[in-house]
Amino acid sequence: MKKLLLTLAIAMSSVSVFAQTRLYVNPEFNQITRNHRVIAVLPFQVSLQLRPKQMREITPSQLKEMEYSEGKDVQTAMFSWFLARSKKGKLKVQVQDPMTTNALLKKNGISVKNVLNYSPKDLAHLLGVDAVVMGTLTTNKPMSTGATIALGVLTGIYGITNKATMNLFIYNGTDGVVLVNYHKTVAGSLGSSIDSMVNILMRKASRRIPYFKK
């Protein structure tokens, strides 16, 4: 019985045992954001750290396209994560719909491929928001449906992601000052969708980021 309980405890903690978290919140966050009303989530910059066997089966351009697709899906999942808390009355600001965000970016010649050529201040201005959420995500397997299927077809390898590192920034729109930097690495079973991965990576963030009501 003791052995069984120990096994269950290890299994239940498989995600969090190897988790590493660093969170920076600007000491003047509340003052800077007192008039904030709307924020926008941008496509994330994704890096897929595939195995050598997988890399031999795909071209660099195919890998890049998977990463771009994954980045937009992370954006959507992150928006959904914010929206779920907004519906519960736990978010102090509104979040711009990704369709509006991406349409405005496209109108100005900006995409996930070149968004880093623009400052957070400029991005916030053209999007008409008070702050922008952007960042990077590194995983050992793709999790968006399209990228997962594509990789499986090309390499014959499927499976869930078991390691992910997120480095998220929230920038103030008027001057580009960093409001929040949230860096989290998780090793363990992360499920089979980007939504599940984002929930795991972000579930503790809402307790410590002042945009969220306690």
N, C-alpha and C. Protein backbone atom coordinates (compact mmCIF):
# COMPACT_ATOMS: atom_id res chain seq x y z
N MET A 1 0.83 -1.20 0.00
CA MET A 1 0.00 0.00 0.00
C MET A 1 0.87 1.25 0.00
N LYS A 2 1.90 1.25 0.84
CA LYS A 2 2.81 2.39 0.90
C LYS A 2 3.49 2.61 -0.45
N LYS A 3 3.86 1.49 -1.09
CA LYS A 3 4.52 1.58 -2.40
C LYS A 3 3.58 2.18 -3.43
N LEU A 4 2.29 1.79 -3.37
CA LEU A 4 1.30 2.32 -4.29
C LEU A 4 1.11 3.81 -4.08
N LEU A 5 1.01 4.23 -2.82
CA LEU A 5 0.83 5.66 -2.52
C LEU A 5 2.03 6.47 -2.98
N LEU A 6 3.23 5.91 -2.81
CA LEU A 6 4.43 6.59 -3.26
C LEU A 6 4.43 6.75 -4.76
N THR A 7 4.03 5.68 -5.47
CA THR A 7 3.97 5.72 -6.94
C THR A 7 2.98 6.78 -7.41
N LEU A 8 1.81 6.84 -6.77
CA LEU A 8 0.80 7.83 -7.13
C LEU A 8 1.30 9.24 -6.87
N ALA A 9 1.99 9.43 -5.77
CA ALA A 9 2.50 10.76 -5.43
C ALA A 9 3.52 11.23 -6.46
N ILE A 10 4.37 10.32 -6.89
CA ILE A 10 5.38 10.66 -7.90
C ILE A 10 4.72 11.00 -9.22
N ALA A 11 3.72 10.21 -9.60
CA ALA A 11 3.01 10.45 -10.85
C ALA A 11 2.29 11.78 -10.84
N MET A 12 1.64 12.11 -9.73
CA MET A 12 0.89 13.35 -9.64
C MET A 12 1.79 14.57 -9.65
N SER A 13 3.03 14.39 -9.18
CA SER A 13 3.95 15.52 -9.14
C SER A 13 4.91 15.55 -10.30
N SER A 14 4.66 14.73 -11.33
CA SER A 14 5.60 14.60 -12.45
C SER A 14 5.78 15.90 -13.21
N VAL A 15 4.77 16.78 -13.20
CA VAL A 15 4.89 18.05 -13.90
C VAL A 15 5.67 19.05 -13.08
N SER A 16 5.39 19.10 -11.76
CA SER A 16 5.91 20.19 -10.95
C SER A 16 7.28 19.92 -10.34
N VAL A 17 7.70 18.65 -10.25
CA VAL A 17 8.97 18.35 -9.61
C VAL A 17 10.12 19.10 -10.27
N PHE A 18 10.09 19.19 -11.59
CA PHE A 18 11.19 19.80 -12.31
C PHE A 18 10.88 21.23 -12.76
N ALA A 19 9.81 21.80 -12.21
CA ALA A 19 9.41 23.14 -12.62
C ALA A 19 10.36 24.20 -12.05
N GLN A 20 10.69 25.16 -12.87
CA GLN A 20 11.51 26.29 -12.45
C GLN A 20 10.78 27.56 -12.85
N THR A 21 10.65 28.49 -11.90
CA THR A 21 9.88 29.69 -12.16
C THR A 21 10.65 30.92 -11.69
N ARG A 22 10.67 31.94 -12.54
CA ARG A 22 11.19 33.24 -12.15
C ARG A 22 10.17 34.30 -12.57
N LEU A 23 9.82 35.18 -11.67
CA LEU A 23 8.84 36.21 -11.98
C LEU A 23 9.35 37.56 -11.53
N TYR A 24 9.37 38.51 -12.46
CA TYR A 24 9.69 39.91 -12.14
C TYR A 24 8.46 40.75 -12.37
N VAL A 25 8.08 41.55 -11.39
CA VAL A 25 7.00 42.50 -11.53
C VAL A 25 7.55 43.88 -11.25
N ASN A 26 7.36 44.81 -12.17
CA ASN A 26 7.84 46.17 -12.00
C ASN A 26 7.31 46.73 -10.68
N PRO A 27 8.19 47.26 -9.83
CA PRO A 27 7.73 47.77 -8.53
C PRO A 27 6.72 48.92 -8.64
N GLU A 28 6.67 49.54 -9.83
CA GLU A 28 5.70 50.62 -10.04
C GLU A 28 4.53 50.16 -10.91
N PHE A 29 4.30 48.86 -10.95
CA PHE A 29 3.26 48.30 -11.82
C PHE A 29 1.91 48.96 -11.62
N ASN A 30 1.44 49.04 -10.37
CA ASN A 30 0.11 49.58 -10.10
C ASN A 30 -0.02 51.04 -10.53
N GLN A 31 1.03 51.80 -10.32
CA GLN A 31 1.01 53.22 -10.72
C GLN A 31 1.02 53.36 -12.24
N ILE A 32 1.87 52.60 -12.90
CA ILE A 32 2.00 52.69 -14.35
C ILE A 32 0.71 52.25 -15.05
N THR A 33 0.08 51.22 -14.52
CA THR A 33 -1.07 50.60 -15.20
C THR A 33 -2.43 51.08 -14.67
N ARG A 34 -2.46 52.10 -13.86
CA ARG A 34 -3.72 52.51 -13.23
C ARG A 34 -4.80 52.89 -14.24
N ASN A 35 -4.38 53.33 -15.44
CA ASN A 35 -5.36 53.71 -16.47
C ASN A 35 -5.43 52.70 -17.61
N HIS A 36 -4.82 51.55 -17.44
CA HIS A 36 -4.86 50.53 -18.50
C HIS A 36 -6.27 49.96 -18.65
N ARG A 37 -6.68 49.81 -19.90
CA ARG A 37 -8.00 49.26 -20.19
C ARG A 37 -7.93 48.00 -21.08
N VAL A 38 -7.01 48.02 -22.07
CA VAL A 38 -6.94 46.92 -23.04
C VAL A 38 -5.49 46.49 -23.26
N ILE A 39 -5.26 45.19 -23.30
CA ILE A 39 -3.95 44.65 -23.63
C ILE A 39 -4.09 43.73 -24.83
N ALA A 40 -2.98 43.45 -25.50
CA ALA A 40 -3.00 42.56 -26.66
C ALA A 40 -1.94 41.48 -26.51
N VAL A 41 -2.28 40.27 -26.93
CA VAL A 41 -1.33 39.16 -26.95
C VAL A 41 -0.84 38.97 -28.38
N LEU A 42 0.47 39.00 -28.58
CA LEU A 42 1.05 38.83 -29.90
C LEU A 42 1.45 37.38 -30.14
N PRO A 43 1.64 36.99 -31.40
CA PRO A 43 2.16 35.64 -31.67
C PRO A 43 3.49 35.44 -30.97
N PHE A 44 3.69 34.28 -30.39
CA PHE A 44 4.93 33.97 -29.68
C PHE A 44 6.00 33.49 -30.66
N GLN A 45 7.24 33.66 -30.27
CA GLN A 45 8.37 33.13 -31.01
C GLN A 45 8.65 31.73 -30.47
N VAL A 46 8.43 30.71 -31.28
CA VAL A 46 8.54 29.33 -30.82
C VAL A 46 9.80 28.68 -31.39
N SER A 47 10.47 27.93 -30.55
CA SER A 47 11.63 27.15 -30.97
C SER A 47 11.37 25.68 -30.66
N LEU A 48 11.37 24.85 -31.70
CA LEU A 48 11.16 23.42 -31.53
C LEU A 48 12.51 22.71 -31.49
N GLN A 49 12.83 22.15 -30.34
CA GLN A 49 14.09 21.44 -30.15
C GLN A 49 13.86 19.95 -30.45
N LEU A 50 13.85 19.61 -31.72
CA LEU A 50 13.54 18.24 -32.12
C LEU A 50 14.76 17.33 -31.99
N ARG A 51 14.48 16.05 -32.00
CA ARG A 51 15.56 15.06 -31.94
C ARG A 51 16.29 15.02 -33.28
N PRO A 52 17.58 14.60 -33.26
CA PRO A 52 18.35 14.51 -34.51
C PRO A 52 17.66 13.69 -35.58
N LYS A 53 17.02 12.58 -35.18
CA LYS A 53 16.32 11.73 -36.15
C LYS A 53 15.19 12.50 -36.83
N GLN A 54 14.47 13.30 -36.04
CA GLN A 54 13.39 14.11 -36.60
C GLN A 54 13.93 15.20 -37.52
N MET A 55 15.03 15.81 -37.12
CA MET A 55 15.61 16.89 -37.91
C MET A 55 16.10 16.41 -39.27
N ARG A 56 16.50 15.15 -39.34
CA ARG A 56 16.99 14.61 -40.62
C ARG A 56 15.85 14.42 -41.61
N GLU A 57 14.62 14.35 -41.11
CA GLU A 57 13.48 14.06 -41.97
C GLU A 57 12.75 15.31 -42.47
N ILE A 58 13.15 16.47 -41.98
CA ILE A 58 12.48 17.70 -42.41
C ILE A 58 13.50 18.74 -42.84
N THR A 59 13.06 19.71 -43.61
CA THR A 59 13.94 20.79 -44.07
C THR A 59 13.88 21.95 -43.09
N PRO A 60 14.88 22.82 -43.11
CA PRO A 60 14.84 24.02 -42.24
C PRO A 60 13.60 24.86 -42.47
N SER A 61 13.15 24.98 -43.72
CA SER A 61 11.96 25.78 -44.00
C SER A 61 10.71 25.13 -43.42
N GLN A 62 10.63 23.80 -43.46
CA GLN A 62 9.49 23.10 -42.86
C GLN A 62 9.47 23.31 -41.35
N LEU A 63 10.64 23.27 -40.74
CA LEU A 63 10.74 23.50 -39.30
C LEU A 63 10.27 24.91 -38.95
N LYS A 64 10.71 25.89 -39.74
CA LYS A 64 10.31 27.28 -39.50
C LYS A 64 8.81 27.46 -39.60
N GLU A 65 8.21 26.85 -40.60
CA GLU A 65 6.76 26.97 -40.77
C GLU A 65 6.02 26.35 -39.59
N MET A 66 6.53 25.23 -39.08
CA MET A 66 5.94 24.63 -37.89
C MET A 66 6.04 25.59 -36.71
N GLU A 67 7.19 26.22 -36.56
CA GLU A 67 7.38 27.14 -35.44
C GLU A 67 6.47 28.36 -35.56
N TYR A 68 6.31 28.89 -36.78
CA TYR A 68 5.41 30.03 -36.98
C TYR A 68 3.98 29.65 -36.65
N SER A 69 3.56 28.45 -37.10
CA SER A 69 2.20 27.98 -36.82
C SER A 69 2.00 27.80 -35.32
N GLU A 70 2.99 27.24 -34.68
CA GLU A 70 2.92 27.03 -33.23
C GLU A 70 2.83 28.37 -32.50
N GLY A 71 3.57 29.38 -32.97
CA GLY A 71 3.57 30.69 -32.33
C GLY A 71 2.20 31.35 -32.34
N LYS A 72 1.49 31.21 -33.46
CA LYS A 72 0.14 31.78 -33.54
C LYS A 72 -0.84 31.01 -32.67
N ASP A 73 -0.64 29.70 -32.57
CA ASP A 73 -1.53 28.91 -31.72
C ASP A 73 -1.29 29.19 -30.24
N VAL A 74 -0.04 29.48 -29.88
CA VAL A 74 0.25 29.88 -28.50
C VAL A 74 -0.44 31.21 -28.20
N GLN A 75 -0.43 32.13 -29.16
CA GLN A 75 -1.12 33.40 -29.01
C GLN A 75 -2.61 33.17 -28.70
N THR A 76 -3.24 32.30 -29.47
CA THR A 76 -4.66 32.01 -29.28
C THR A 76 -4.92 31.37 -27.92
N ALA A 77 -4.07 30.42 -27.54
CA ALA A 77 -4.23 29.76 -26.25
C ALA A 77 -4.03 30.73 -25.11
N MET A 78 -3.07 31.64 -25.25
CA MET A 78 -2.82 32.63 -24.21
C MET A 78 -4.01 33.59 -24.08
N PHE A 79 -4.59 33.98 -25.22
CA PHE A 79 -5.79 34.83 -25.20
C PHE A 79 -6.91 34.11 -24.46
N SER A 80 -7.10 32.85 -24.76
CA SER A 80 -8.16 32.07 -24.11
C SER A 80 -7.92 31.98 -22.61
N TRP A 81 -6.67 31.86 -22.22
CA TRP A 81 -6.32 31.79 -20.80
C TRP A 81 -6.69 33.09 -20.10
N PHE A 82 -6.34 34.23 -20.71
CA PHE A 82 -6.72 35.53 -20.14
C PHE A 82 -8.23 35.68 -20.13
N LEU A 83 -8.88 35.29 -21.23
CA LEU A 83 -10.32 35.47 -21.36
C LEU A 83 -11.08 34.67 -20.30
N ALA A 84 -10.62 33.46 -20.01
CA ALA A 84 -11.28 32.63 -19.00
C ALA A 84 -11.27 33.32 -17.64
N ARG A 85 -10.19 33.99 -17.32
CA ARG A 85 -10.11 34.70 -16.05
C ARG A 85 -10.94 35.97 -16.07
N SER A 86 -11.02 36.58 -17.25
CA SER A 86 -11.87 37.76 -17.39
C SER A 86 -13.33 37.42 -17.15
N LYS A 87 -13.77 36.28 -17.67
CA LYS A 87 -15.16 35.86 -17.51
C LYS A 87 -15.49 35.56 -16.05
N LYS A 88 -14.47 35.20 -15.27
CA LYS A 88 -14.67 34.93 -13.86
C LYS A 88 -14.53 36.20 -13.02
N GLY A 89 -14.31 37.34 -13.70
CA GLY A 89 -14.17 38.60 -12.99
C GLY A 89 -12.84 38.77 -12.29
N LYS A 90 -11.83 38.00 -12.75
CA LYS A 90 -10.52 38.05 -12.09
C LYS A 90 -9.47 38.84 -12.86
N LEU A 91 -9.85 39.45 -13.98
CA LEU A 91 -8.91 40.21 -14.79
C LEU A 91 -9.33 41.67 -14.81
N LYS A 92 -8.38 42.56 -14.54
CA LYS A 92 -8.69 43.99 -14.41
C LYS A 92 -8.73 44.72 -15.75
N VAL A 93 -8.28 44.08 -16.82
CA VAL A 93 -8.25 44.72 -18.14
C VAL A 93 -8.95 43.82 -19.16
N GLN A 94 -9.25 44.39 -20.32
CA GLN A 94 -9.78 43.60 -21.42
C GLN A 94 -8.63 43.13 -22.30
N VAL A 95 -8.88 42.05 -23.06
CA VAL A 95 -7.85 41.51 -23.95
C VAL A 95 -8.36 41.59 -25.38
N GLN A 96 -7.56 42.20 -26.24
CA GLN A 96 -7.94 42.34 -27.65
C GLN A 96 -8.01 40.96 -28.31
N ASP A 97 -9.04 40.76 -29.13
CA ASP A 97 -9.20 39.49 -29.84
C ASP A 97 -8.02 39.29 -30.80
N PRO A 98 -7.45 38.07 -30.85
CA PRO A 98 -6.31 37.82 -31.74
C PRO A 98 -6.59 38.10 -33.21
N MET A 99 -7.84 37.93 -33.66
CA MET A 99 -8.17 38.22 -35.05
C MET A 99 -7.97 39.71 -35.34
N THR A 100 -8.38 40.56 -34.38
CA THR A 100 -8.17 42.00 -34.53
C THR A 100 -6.69 42.32 -34.47
N THR A 101 -6.00 41.73 -33.51
CA THR A 101 -4.56 41.96 -33.36
C THR A 101 -3.81 41.60 -34.64
N ASN A 102 -4.06 40.40 -35.16
CA ASN A 102 -3.33 39.92 -36.33
C ASN A 102 -3.71 40.68 -37.60
N ALA A 103 -4.97 41.11 -37.68
CA ALA A 103 -5.40 41.90 -38.84
C ALA A 103 -4.68 43.25 -38.86
N LEU A 104 -4.56 43.87 -37.69
CA LEU A 104 -3.86 45.16 -37.60
C LEU A 104 -2.37 44.98 -37.88
N LEU A 105 -1.80 43.89 -37.39
CA LEU A 105 -0.38 43.61 -37.67
C LEU A 105 -0.17 43.41 -39.17
N LYS A 106 -1.02 42.61 -39.79
CA LYS A 106 -0.90 42.34 -41.23
C LYS A 106 -1.05 43.61 -42.04
N LYS A 107 -1.99 44.47 -41.64
CA LYS A 107 -2.22 45.73 -42.33
C LYS A 107 -0.97 46.59 -42.34
N ASN A 108 -0.15 46.44 -41.31
CA ASN A 108 1.08 47.22 -41.19
C ASN A 108 2.31 46.41 -41.60
N GLY A 109 2.10 45.29 -42.30
CA GLY A 109 3.21 44.50 -42.81
C GLY A 109 3.97 43.72 -41.75
N ILE A 110 3.30 43.41 -40.65
CA ILE A 110 3.95 42.72 -39.53
C ILE A 110 3.34 41.34 -39.37
N SER A 111 4.19 40.34 -39.15
CA SER A 111 3.73 38.98 -38.91
C SER A 111 4.63 38.35 -37.86
N VAL A 112 4.36 37.08 -37.52
CA VAL A 112 5.19 36.38 -36.55
C VAL A 112 6.62 36.28 -37.05
N LYS A 113 6.82 36.41 -38.36
CA LYS A 113 8.16 36.27 -38.93
C LYS A 113 9.04 37.50 -38.71
N ASN A 114 8.42 38.69 -38.56
CA ASN A 114 9.24 39.90 -38.44
C ASN A 114 8.83 40.80 -37.29
N VAL A 115 7.97 40.30 -36.39
CA VAL A 115 7.45 41.14 -35.32
C VAL A 115 8.54 41.66 -34.40
N LEU A 116 9.64 40.92 -34.28
CA LEU A 116 10.72 41.35 -33.40
C LEU A 116 11.51 42.54 -33.96
N ASN A 117 11.20 42.93 -35.19
CA ASN A 117 11.84 44.12 -35.76
C ASN A 117 11.20 45.40 -35.24
N TYR A 118 10.13 45.27 -34.47
CA TYR A 118 9.39 46.42 -33.98
C TYR A 118 9.44 46.47 -32.45
N SER A 119 9.49 47.66 -31.92
CA SER A 119 9.54 47.82 -30.46
C SER A 119 8.17 47.59 -29.86
N PRO A 120 8.11 47.15 -28.60
CA PRO A 120 6.81 46.99 -27.93
C PRO A 120 5.99 48.28 -27.93
N LYS A 121 6.66 49.40 -27.80
CA LYS A 121 5.97 50.70 -27.83
C LYS A 121 5.29 50.92 -29.16
N ASP A 122 5.99 50.65 -30.27
CA ASP A 122 5.41 50.82 -31.60
C ASP A 122 4.27 49.86 -31.83
N LEU A 123 4.43 48.62 -31.37
CA LEU A 123 3.38 47.61 -31.55
C LEU A 123 2.12 48.00 -30.78
N ALA A 124 2.29 48.46 -29.57
CA ALA A 124 1.14 48.87 -28.76
C ALA A 124 0.42 50.04 -29.41
N HIS A 125 1.19 50.96 -29.99
CA HIS A 125 0.60 52.15 -30.63
C HIS A 125 -0.26 51.76 -31.83
N LEU A 126 0.28 50.90 -32.70
CA LEU A 126 -0.49 50.56 -33.91
C LEU A 126 -1.67 49.64 -33.59
N LEU A 127 -1.59 48.92 -32.46
CA LEU A 127 -2.70 48.07 -32.06
C LEU A 127 -3.74 48.82 -31.23
N GLY A 128 -3.37 50.01 -30.76
CA GLY A 128 -4.30 50.81 -29.97
C GLY A 128 -4.57 50.23 -28.60
N VAL A 129 -3.53 49.66 -27.97
CA VAL A 129 -3.70 49.04 -26.65
C VAL A 129 -2.75 49.67 -25.64
N ASP A 130 -3.00 49.37 -24.38
CA ASP A 130 -2.20 49.95 -23.30
C ASP A 130 -0.96 49.13 -22.97
N ALA A 131 -0.95 47.87 -23.35
CA ALA A 131 0.21 47.00 -23.10
C ALA A 131 0.18 45.83 -24.06
N VAL A 132 1.34 45.26 -24.30
CA VAL A 132 1.43 44.08 -25.17
C VAL A 132 2.07 42.93 -24.42
N VAL A 133 1.53 41.73 -24.68
CA VAL A 133 2.06 40.49 -24.12
C VAL A 133 2.76 39.75 -25.25
N MET A 134 4.02 39.43 -25.07
CA MET A 134 4.77 38.72 -26.09
C MET A 134 5.87 37.90 -25.42
N GLY A 135 6.45 36.98 -26.17
CA GLY A 135 7.48 36.17 -25.55
C GLY A 135 7.92 35.01 -26.42
N THR A 136 8.63 34.09 -25.80
CA THR A 136 9.17 32.92 -26.49
C THR A 136 8.70 31.65 -25.81
N LEU A 137 8.69 30.58 -26.57
CA LEU A 137 8.35 29.26 -26.03
C LEU A 137 9.25 28.23 -26.70
N THR A 138 9.91 27.43 -25.90
CA THR A 138 10.76 26.35 -26.41
C THR A 138 10.19 25.02 -25.94
N THR A 139 9.96 24.11 -26.89
CA THR A 139 9.47 22.78 -26.54
C THR A 139 10.24 21.73 -27.32
N ASN A 140 10.10 20.48 -26.88
CA ASN A 140 10.80 19.40 -27.60
C ASN A 140 9.91 18.72 -28.63
N LYS A 141 8.63 19.12 -28.69
CA LYS A 141 7.71 18.62 -29.72
C LYS A 141 6.67 19.70 -29.99
N PRO A 142 6.16 19.77 -31.22
CA PRO A 142 5.06 20.71 -31.48
C PRO A 142 3.79 20.22 -30.81
N MET A 143 2.88 21.17 -30.51
CA MET A 143 1.64 20.80 -29.86
C MET A 143 0.41 21.30 -30.61
N SER A 144 0.58 22.22 -31.54
CA SER A 144 -0.57 22.62 -32.33
C SER A 144 -0.96 21.45 -33.24
N THR A 145 -2.24 21.34 -33.52
CA THR A 145 -2.73 20.18 -34.30
C THR A 145 -2.04 20.07 -35.65
N GLY A 146 -1.99 21.20 -36.37
CA GLY A 146 -1.39 21.17 -37.70
C GLY A 146 0.07 20.78 -37.68
N ALA A 147 0.85 21.38 -36.76
CA ALA A 147 2.28 21.08 -36.69
C ALA A 147 2.53 19.65 -36.23
N THR A 148 1.72 19.16 -35.31
CA THR A 148 1.89 17.79 -34.83
C THR A 148 1.64 16.77 -35.94
N ILE A 149 0.56 17.00 -36.70
CA ILE A 149 0.25 16.10 -37.81
C ILE A 149 1.36 16.16 -38.87
N ALA A 150 1.80 17.37 -39.17
CA ALA A 150 2.85 17.54 -40.18
C ALA A 150 4.12 16.81 -39.77
N LEU A 151 4.51 16.96 -38.51
CA LEU A 151 5.72 16.30 -38.05
C LEU A 151 5.54 14.78 -38.06
N GLY A 152 4.36 14.31 -37.68
CA GLY A 152 4.10 12.88 -37.67
C GLY A 152 4.15 12.30 -39.07
N VAL A 153 3.59 13.02 -40.03
CA VAL A 153 3.60 12.55 -41.42
C VAL A 153 5.02 12.51 -41.95
N LEU A 154 5.80 13.53 -41.63
CA LEU A 154 7.16 13.62 -42.17
C LEU A 154 8.13 12.66 -41.50
N THR A 155 7.95 12.42 -40.21
CA THR A 155 8.93 11.63 -39.47
C THR A 155 8.39 10.31 -38.94
N GLY A 156 7.04 10.19 -38.91
CA GLY A 156 6.45 8.99 -38.33
C GLY A 156 6.48 8.99 -36.82
N ILE A 157 6.79 10.15 -36.21
CA ILE A 157 6.91 10.23 -34.76
C ILE A 157 5.82 11.15 -34.22
N TYR A 158 5.02 10.62 -33.31
CA TYR A 158 3.99 11.40 -32.64
C TYR A 158 4.27 11.36 -31.14
N GLY A 159 3.52 12.12 -30.39
CA GLY A 159 3.68 12.06 -28.94
C GLY A 159 3.48 13.41 -28.29
N ILE A 160 3.33 13.39 -26.96
CA ILE A 160 3.08 14.62 -26.24
C ILE A 160 4.40 15.30 -25.89
N THR A 161 4.31 16.60 -25.65
CA THR A 161 5.47 17.36 -25.22
C THR A 161 5.75 17.06 -23.76
N ASN A 162 7.01 16.85 -23.41
CA ASN A 162 7.31 16.61 -22.00
C ASN A 162 8.26 17.65 -21.41
N LYS A 163 8.55 18.70 -22.17
CA LYS A 163 9.35 19.78 -21.61
C LYS A 163 9.03 21.07 -22.36
N ALA A 164 8.87 22.14 -21.62
CA ALA A 164 8.58 23.43 -22.23
C ALA A 164 9.15 24.55 -21.37
N THR A 165 9.65 25.58 -22.04
CA THR A 165 10.15 26.77 -21.35
C THR A 165 9.48 27.99 -21.95
N MET A 166 8.80 28.75 -21.11
CA MET A 166 8.16 29.98 -21.55
C MET A 166 8.88 31.18 -20.95
N ASN A 167 9.09 32.19 -21.79
CA ASN A 167 9.66 33.46 -21.32
C ASN A 167 8.72 34.56 -21.79
N LEU A 168 7.85 35.00 -20.89
CA LEU A 168 6.78 35.93 -21.24
C LEU A 168 7.10 37.33 -20.73
N PHE A 169 6.81 38.33 -21.57
CA PHE A 169 6.98 39.73 -21.19
C PHE A 169 5.67 40.47 -21.37
N ILE A 170 5.37 41.38 -20.46
CA ILE A 170 4.30 42.35 -20.63
C ILE A 170 4.95 43.72 -20.63
N TYR A 171 4.78 44.45 -21.74
CA TYR A 171 5.39 45.76 -21.90
C TYR A 171 4.34 46.87 -21.82
N ASN A 172 4.70 47.96 -21.15
CA ASN A 172 3.83 49.12 -21.12
C ASN A 172 3.79 49.77 -22.50
N GLY A 173 2.61 50.17 -22.94
CA GLY A 173 2.46 50.66 -24.30
C GLY A 173 3.03 52.04 -24.56
N THR A 174 3.04 52.92 -23.57
CA THR A 174 3.46 54.30 -23.82
C THR A 174 4.97 54.47 -23.90
N ASP A 175 5.70 53.62 -23.20
CA ASP A 175 7.16 53.78 -23.20
C ASP A 175 7.93 52.48 -23.37
N GLY A 176 7.25 51.34 -23.47
CA GLY A 176 7.92 50.06 -23.66
C GLY A 176 8.58 49.49 -22.43
N VAL A 177 8.31 50.07 -21.27
CA VAL A 177 8.91 49.57 -20.02
C VAL A 177 8.38 48.17 -19.71
N VAL A 178 9.26 47.32 -19.22
CA VAL A 178 8.85 45.97 -18.83
C VAL A 178 8.01 46.03 -17.56
N LEU A 179 6.79 45.53 -17.65
CA LEU A 179 5.91 45.47 -16.49
C LEU A 179 6.03 44.13 -15.79
N VAL A 180 6.15 43.07 -16.59
CA VAL A 180 6.25 41.71 -16.05
C VAL A 180 7.17 40.89 -16.92
N ASN A 181 8.01 40.08 -16.28
CA ASN A 181 8.75 39.04 -16.98
C ASN A 181 8.52 37.73 -16.23
N TYR A 182 7.92 36.78 -16.91
CA TYR A 182 7.58 35.50 -16.31
C TYR A 182 8.30 34.40 -17.07
N HIS A 183 9.25 33.76 -16.40
CA HIS A 183 10.05 32.70 -17.02
C HIS A 183 9.77 31.40 -16.29
N LYS A 184 9.30 30.40 -17.03
CA LYS A 184 8.95 29.13 -16.38
C LYS A 184 9.36 27.95 -17.26
N THR A 185 10.02 27.00 -16.63
CA THR A 185 10.37 25.74 -17.29
C THR A 185 9.67 24.60 -16.58
N VAL A 186 9.03 23.74 -17.34
CA VAL A 186 8.34 22.59 -16.77
C VAL A 186 8.78 21.34 -17.52
N ALA A 187 9.16 20.32 -16.78
CA ALA A 187 9.47 19.02 -17.37
C ALA A 187 8.53 18.00 -16.77
N GLY A 188 7.87 17.25 -17.62
CA GLY A 188 6.88 16.28 -17.16
C GLY A 188 5.83 16.12 -18.23
N SER A 189 4.77 15.43 -17.93
CA SER A 189 3.71 15.24 -18.89
C SER A 189 2.89 16.51 -19.04
N LEU A 190 2.93 17.12 -20.23
CA LEU A 190 2.24 18.39 -20.45
C LEU A 190 0.97 18.22 -21.27
N GLY A 191 0.51 17.01 -21.45
CA GLY A 191 -0.73 16.81 -22.21
C GLY A 191 -0.48 16.81 -23.70
N SER A 192 -1.54 17.01 -24.46
CA SER A 192 -1.43 16.87 -25.90
C SER A 192 -1.96 18.08 -26.66
N SER A 193 -2.12 19.22 -25.99
CA SER A 193 -2.60 20.41 -26.68
C SER A 193 -1.89 21.64 -26.15
N ILE A 194 -1.88 22.69 -26.97
CA ILE A 194 -1.27 23.94 -26.53
C ILE A 194 -2.05 24.53 -25.37
N ASP A 195 -3.37 24.41 -25.39
CA ASP A 195 -4.18 24.93 -24.28
C ASP A 195 -3.77 24.31 -22.96
N SER A 196 -3.58 22.99 -22.95
CA SER A 196 -3.20 22.32 -21.70
C SER A 196 -1.81 22.76 -21.26
N MET A 197 -0.90 22.94 -22.20
CA MET A 197 0.45 23.38 -21.87
C MET A 197 0.45 24.79 -21.29
N VAL A 198 -0.31 25.71 -21.92
CA VAL A 198 -0.38 27.08 -21.43
C VAL A 198 -0.98 27.13 -20.04
N ASN A 199 -2.01 26.33 -19.81
CA ASN A 199 -2.62 26.28 -18.48
C ASN A 199 -1.62 25.84 -17.42
N ILE A 200 -0.82 24.83 -17.76
CA ILE A 200 0.19 24.35 -16.81
C ILE A 200 1.26 25.41 -16.57
N LEU A 201 1.70 26.05 -17.63
CA LEU A 201 2.76 27.04 -17.51
C LEU A 201 2.29 28.31 -16.79
N MET A 202 1.01 28.63 -16.94
CA MET A 202 0.51 29.91 -16.43
C MET A 202 -0.35 29.81 -15.18
N ARG A 203 -0.64 28.63 -14.70
CA ARG A 203 -1.66 28.49 -13.66
C ARG A 203 -1.30 29.22 -12.37
N LYS A 204 -0.02 29.37 -12.05
CA LYS A 204 0.36 30.08 -10.84
C LYS A 204 0.62 31.57 -11.08
N ALA A 205 0.71 31.95 -12.34
CA ALA A 205 1.05 33.35 -12.65
C ALA A 205 -0.02 34.31 -12.19
N SER A 206 -1.28 33.91 -12.30
CA SER A 206 -2.38 34.82 -11.97
C SER A 206 -2.38 35.22 -10.50
N ARG A 207 -1.73 34.45 -9.66
CA ARG A 207 -1.68 34.77 -8.24
C ARG A 207 -0.69 35.90 -7.95
N ARG A 208 0.22 36.14 -8.90
CA ARG A 208 1.32 37.06 -8.61
C ARG A 208 1.42 38.23 -9.57
N ILE A 209 0.69 38.20 -10.71
CA ILE A 209 0.69 39.32 -11.65
C ILE A 209 -0.45 40.26 -11.29
N PRO A 210 -0.17 41.53 -11.01
CA PRO A 210 -1.20 42.45 -10.50
C PRO A 210 -2.38 42.72 -11.45
N TYR A 211 -2.31 42.34 -12.72
CA TYR A 211 -3.48 42.49 -13.58
C TYR A 211 -4.65 41.64 -13.10
N PHE A 212 -4.33 40.63 -12.30
CA PHE A 212 -5.35 39.69 -11.86
C PHE A 212 -5.82 40.02 -10.44
N LYS A 213 -7.12 39.91 -10.24
CA LYS A 213 -7.70 40.12 -8.92
C LYS A 213 -7.54 38.87 -8.08
N LYS A 214 -7.25 39.04 -6.82
CA LYS A 214 -7.09 37.89 -5.93
C LYS A 214 -8.46 37.42 -5.44
